Amino acid sequence: MAIKAPNFCKNAVPTLKGWCHPKTGELLKSQRISQEDINEWNKVEEPTVVVVEEPPVVTETPPAVKATSRPRKASAKKTEETEVTDTPE
C-alpha cells in the first residue's frame, strides 16, 4: 500500500507511529505505518548479496639454479697484474 503525507504538511516524515514533523519530530498524525511502506517512501531497496569469486592464485616456482661442482679459475689477466705489481723497480 502506498502511503501519502498529510495535506497540511507535505514534507512530513513517516515513522512506525505515524507522520512526524521533519525538524521538531512532533507527531502530526497518528497512524500505523509498516516498515515496508516507510522503506518504499524513503526509496530504500532490500540489500542485495553479491557473491564475488576470487580468481585462483597461481604460484610459479623459480627456475632452478644450476650448481657448479668445480671452483672458478682465476683469469689470466688478474694473474698477470699481480705479477707485475710484485716486481721491484
N, C-alpha and C. Protein backbone atom coordinates (compact mmCIF):
# COMPACT_ATOMS: atom_id res chain seq x y z
N MET A 1 0.83 -1.16 0.00
CA MET A 1 0.00 0.00 0.00
C MET A 1 0.89 1.24 0.00
N ALA A 2 0.67 2.12 -0.92
CA ALA A 2 1.44 3.37 -0.98
C ALA A 2 0.91 4.33 0.07
N ILE A 3 1.83 5.01 0.73
CA ILE A 3 1.43 5.96 1.76
C ILE A 3 1.55 7.37 1.19
N LYS A 4 0.80 8.30 1.78
CA LYS A 4 0.78 9.68 1.32
C LYS A 4 0.86 10.60 2.54
N ALA A 5 1.72 11.61 2.43
CA ALA A 5 1.88 12.56 3.53
C ALA A 5 0.60 13.35 3.73
N PRO A 6 0.34 13.81 4.95
CA PRO A 6 -0.86 14.62 5.21
C PRO A 6 -0.84 15.91 4.38
N ASN A 7 -2.02 16.39 4.01
CA ASN A 7 -2.13 17.60 3.18
C ASN A 7 -1.58 18.84 3.88
N PHE A 8 -1.68 18.91 5.20
CA PHE A 8 -1.25 20.10 5.92
C PHE A 8 0.26 20.16 6.14
N CYS A 9 0.98 19.06 5.87
CA CYS A 9 2.45 19.05 6.00
C CYS A 9 3.02 18.06 4.99
N LYS A 10 3.23 18.56 3.78
CA LYS A 10 3.69 17.69 2.68
C LYS A 10 5.08 17.11 2.91
N ASN A 11 5.89 17.78 3.72
CA ASN A 11 7.25 17.27 3.95
C ASN A 11 7.35 16.44 5.24
N ALA A 12 6.23 15.95 5.75
CA ALA A 12 6.22 15.12 6.96
C ALA A 12 6.98 13.82 6.70
N VAL A 13 7.50 13.27 7.79
CA VAL A 13 8.32 12.06 7.72
C VAL A 13 7.52 10.88 8.30
N PRO A 14 7.46 9.76 7.55
CA PRO A 14 6.74 8.61 8.09
C PRO A 14 7.57 7.86 9.13
N THR A 15 6.91 7.44 10.22
CA THR A 15 7.53 6.60 11.24
C THR A 15 6.57 5.46 11.54
N LEU A 16 6.97 4.54 12.36
CA LEU A 16 6.10 3.43 12.73
C LEU A 16 4.88 3.91 13.51
N LYS A 17 4.97 5.06 14.19
CA LYS A 17 3.85 5.60 14.99
C LYS A 17 2.95 6.52 14.18
N GLY A 18 3.44 7.01 13.03
CA GLY A 18 2.64 7.93 12.22
C GLY A 18 3.52 8.94 11.52
N TRP A 19 2.91 10.07 11.16
CA TRP A 19 3.63 11.12 10.44
C TRP A 19 4.18 12.13 11.44
N CYS A 20 5.48 12.47 11.30
CA CYS A 20 6.14 13.40 12.20
C CYS A 20 6.67 14.61 11.44
N HIS A 21 6.81 15.72 12.16
CA HIS A 21 7.39 16.94 11.59
C HIS A 21 8.88 16.68 11.34
N PRO A 22 9.40 17.08 10.17
CA PRO A 22 10.79 16.75 9.84
C PRO A 22 11.83 17.43 10.74
N LYS A 23 11.54 18.64 11.28
CA LYS A 23 12.53 19.34 12.10
C LYS A 23 12.34 19.09 13.59
N THR A 24 11.11 19.13 14.06
CA THR A 24 10.86 19.01 15.50
C THR A 24 10.63 17.57 15.96
N GLY A 25 10.20 16.69 15.03
CA GLY A 25 9.92 15.31 15.40
C GLY A 25 8.55 15.14 16.05
N GLU A 26 7.77 16.21 16.07
CA GLU A 26 6.44 16.16 16.67
C GLU A 26 5.52 15.25 15.85
N LEU A 27 4.75 14.42 16.55
CA LEU A 27 3.81 13.53 15.88
C LEU A 27 2.64 14.36 15.37
N LEU A 28 2.47 14.41 14.05
CA LEU A 28 1.43 15.22 13.43
C LEU A 28 0.15 14.43 13.22
N LYS A 29 0.29 13.19 12.83
CA LYS A 29 -0.88 12.35 12.57
C LYS A 29 -0.56 10.94 13.04
N SER A 30 -1.34 10.44 13.96
CA SER A 30 -1.14 9.09 14.46
C SER A 30 -1.69 8.10 13.45
N GLN A 31 -0.83 7.19 13.03
CA GLN A 31 -1.22 6.20 12.02
C GLN A 31 -0.19 5.08 12.05
N ARG A 32 -0.65 3.86 11.96
CA ARG A 32 0.29 2.74 11.89
C ARG A 32 0.81 2.64 10.46
N ILE A 33 2.13 2.69 10.35
CA ILE A 33 2.78 2.58 9.03
C ILE A 33 3.80 1.45 9.13
N SER A 34 3.74 0.52 8.19
CA SER A 34 4.66 -0.63 8.23
C SER A 34 6.06 -0.19 7.79
N GLN A 35 7.03 -0.97 8.21
CA GLN A 35 8.42 -0.69 7.85
C GLN A 35 8.62 -0.78 6.34
N GLU A 36 7.89 -1.69 5.70
CA GLU A 36 7.98 -1.83 4.24
C GLU A 36 7.51 -0.56 3.55
N ASP A 37 6.41 0.04 4.05
CA ASP A 37 5.91 1.29 3.47
C ASP A 37 6.89 2.44 3.71
N ILE A 38 7.50 2.47 4.88
CA ILE A 38 8.48 3.51 5.18
C ILE A 38 9.69 3.36 4.25
N ASN A 39 10.14 2.12 4.05
CA ASN A 39 11.28 1.89 3.15
C ASN A 39 10.94 2.30 1.73
N GLU A 40 9.71 2.02 1.30
CA GLU A 40 9.28 2.41 -0.04
C GLU A 40 9.25 3.94 -0.16
N TRP A 41 8.74 4.63 0.88
CA TRP A 41 8.69 6.10 0.90
C TRP A 41 10.10 6.69 0.79
N ASN A 42 11.04 6.10 1.53
CA ASN A 42 12.42 6.58 1.54
C ASN A 42 13.25 6.02 0.39
N LYS A 43 12.62 5.23 -0.45
CA LYS A 43 13.28 4.59 -1.61
C LYS A 43 14.47 3.74 -1.18
N VAL A 44 14.27 2.99 -0.10
CA VAL A 44 15.30 2.08 0.39
C VAL A 44 15.04 0.72 -0.26
N GLU A 45 16.05 0.19 -0.89
CA GLU A 45 15.92 -1.12 -1.52
C GLU A 45 16.45 -2.20 -0.59
N GLU A 46 15.93 -3.39 -0.76
CA GLU A 46 16.43 -4.52 0.01
C GLU A 46 17.89 -4.74 -0.36
N PRO A 47 18.72 -5.00 0.63
CA PRO A 47 20.13 -5.23 0.30
C PRO A 47 20.29 -6.48 -0.55
N THR A 48 21.07 -6.35 -1.58
CA THR A 48 21.33 -7.49 -2.44
C THR A 48 22.70 -8.04 -2.11
N VAL A 49 22.78 -9.34 -2.08
CA VAL A 49 24.03 -10.00 -1.76
C VAL A 49 24.73 -10.33 -3.08
N VAL A 50 25.93 -9.82 -3.22
CA VAL A 50 26.71 -10.07 -4.42
C VAL A 50 27.86 -10.98 -4.03
N VAL A 51 27.93 -12.12 -4.69
CA VAL A 51 28.99 -13.08 -4.42
C VAL A 51 30.06 -12.90 -5.48
N VAL A 52 31.26 -12.58 -5.04
CA VAL A 52 32.38 -12.40 -5.95
C VAL A 52 33.37 -13.52 -5.68
N GLU A 53 33.63 -14.27 -6.72
CA GLU A 53 34.59 -15.35 -6.58
C GLU A 53 35.98 -14.81 -6.86
N GLU A 54 36.90 -15.14 -5.97
CA GLU A 54 38.27 -14.68 -6.17
C GLU A 54 38.95 -15.57 -7.20
N PRO A 55 39.76 -14.97 -8.07
CA PRO A 55 40.46 -15.78 -9.05
C PRO A 55 41.47 -16.69 -8.35
N PRO A 56 41.72 -17.85 -8.92
CA PRO A 56 42.68 -18.75 -8.27
C PRO A 56 44.08 -18.14 -8.27
N VAL A 57 44.81 -18.41 -7.21
CA VAL A 57 46.16 -17.90 -7.08
C VAL A 57 47.12 -18.88 -7.72
N VAL A 58 47.90 -18.38 -8.67
CA VAL A 58 48.86 -19.22 -9.37
C VAL A 58 50.24 -18.88 -8.83
N THR A 59 50.91 -19.87 -8.31
CA THR A 59 52.27 -19.65 -7.82
C THR A 59 53.24 -20.34 -8.76
N GLU A 60 54.24 -19.61 -9.13
CA GLU A 60 55.24 -20.17 -10.03
C GLU A 60 56.49 -20.48 -9.22
N THR A 61 57.10 -21.59 -9.52
CA THR A 61 58.35 -21.94 -8.85
C THR A 61 59.48 -21.24 -9.60
N PRO A 62 60.45 -20.70 -8.87
CA PRO A 62 61.56 -20.03 -9.54
C PRO A 62 62.37 -21.05 -10.34
N PRO A 63 62.99 -20.60 -11.42
CA PRO A 63 63.78 -21.55 -12.21
C PRO A 63 64.94 -22.09 -11.37
N ALA A 64 65.25 -23.33 -11.60
CA ALA A 64 66.31 -23.99 -10.84
C ALA A 64 67.66 -23.39 -11.23
N VAL A 65 68.47 -23.12 -10.22
CA VAL A 65 69.81 -22.59 -10.47
C VAL A 65 70.75 -23.77 -10.57
N LYS A 66 71.49 -23.80 -11.66
CA LYS A 66 72.41 -24.91 -11.88
C LYS A 66 73.65 -24.69 -11.03
N ALA A 67 73.92 -25.63 -10.16
CA ALA A 67 75.07 -25.52 -9.28
C ALA A 67 76.32 -26.01 -10.00
N THR A 68 77.41 -25.29 -9.82
CA THR A 68 78.67 -25.73 -10.44
C THR A 68 79.43 -26.55 -9.41
N SER A 69 80.02 -27.64 -9.86
CA SER A 69 80.72 -28.52 -8.94
C SER A 69 82.20 -28.19 -8.85
N ARG A 70 82.71 -27.39 -9.76
CA ARG A 70 84.13 -27.05 -9.71
C ARG A 70 84.30 -25.56 -9.44
N PRO A 71 85.36 -25.18 -8.76
CA PRO A 71 85.59 -23.76 -8.48
C PRO A 71 86.02 -23.03 -9.76
N ARG A 72 85.78 -21.77 -9.80
CA ARG A 72 86.18 -20.98 -10.97
C ARG A 72 87.69 -20.79 -10.98
N LYS A 73 88.19 -20.73 -12.19
CA LYS A 73 89.62 -20.48 -12.33
C LYS A 73 89.85 -18.98 -12.35
N ALA A 74 90.97 -18.56 -11.82
CA ALA A 74 91.31 -17.15 -11.84
C ALA A 74 91.66 -16.78 -13.27
N SER A 75 91.25 -15.61 -13.69
CA SER A 75 91.51 -15.21 -15.07
C SER A 75 92.99 -14.90 -15.23
N ALA A 76 93.48 -15.08 -16.43
CA ALA A 76 94.89 -14.86 -16.72
C ALA A 76 95.25 -13.39 -16.55
N LYS A 77 94.34 -12.50 -16.82
CA LYS A 77 94.60 -11.08 -16.73
C LYS A 77 94.89 -10.67 -15.29
N LYS A 78 94.13 -11.18 -14.34
CA LYS A 78 94.36 -10.85 -12.95
C LYS A 78 95.71 -11.39 -12.48
N THR A 79 96.07 -12.56 -12.95
CA THR A 79 97.33 -13.17 -12.55
C THR A 79 98.49 -12.32 -13.03
N GLU A 80 98.42 -11.84 -14.26
CA GLU A 80 99.49 -11.02 -14.80
C GLU A 80 99.61 -9.71 -14.03
N GLU A 81 98.52 -9.11 -13.64
CA GLU A 81 98.56 -7.86 -12.90
C GLU A 81 99.22 -8.04 -11.55
N THR A 82 98.93 -9.14 -10.91
CA THR A 82 99.54 -9.35 -9.61
C THR A 82 101.04 -9.60 -9.75
N GLU A 83 101.46 -10.24 -10.82
CA GLU A 83 102.89 -10.47 -11.03
C GLU A 83 103.61 -9.16 -11.30
N VAL A 84 102.97 -8.27 -12.01
CA VAL A 84 103.59 -7.00 -12.34
C VAL A 84 103.73 -6.15 -11.11
N THR A 85 102.76 -6.14 -10.25
CA THR A 85 102.84 -5.30 -9.07
C THR A 85 103.81 -5.85 -8.04
N ASP A 86 104.12 -7.13 -8.09
CA ASP A 86 105.03 -7.72 -7.11
C ASP A 86 106.50 -7.49 -7.49
N THR A 87 106.80 -7.09 -8.69
CA THR A 87 108.21 -6.93 -9.09
C THR A 87 108.78 -5.63 -8.57
N PRO A 88 109.99 -5.65 -8.05
CA PRO A 88 110.62 -4.41 -7.54
C PRO A 88 111.07 -3.51 -8.70
N GLU A 89 111.14 -2.24 -8.47
CA GLU A 89 111.57 -1.32 -9.52
C GLU A 89 113.00 -0.94 -9.41
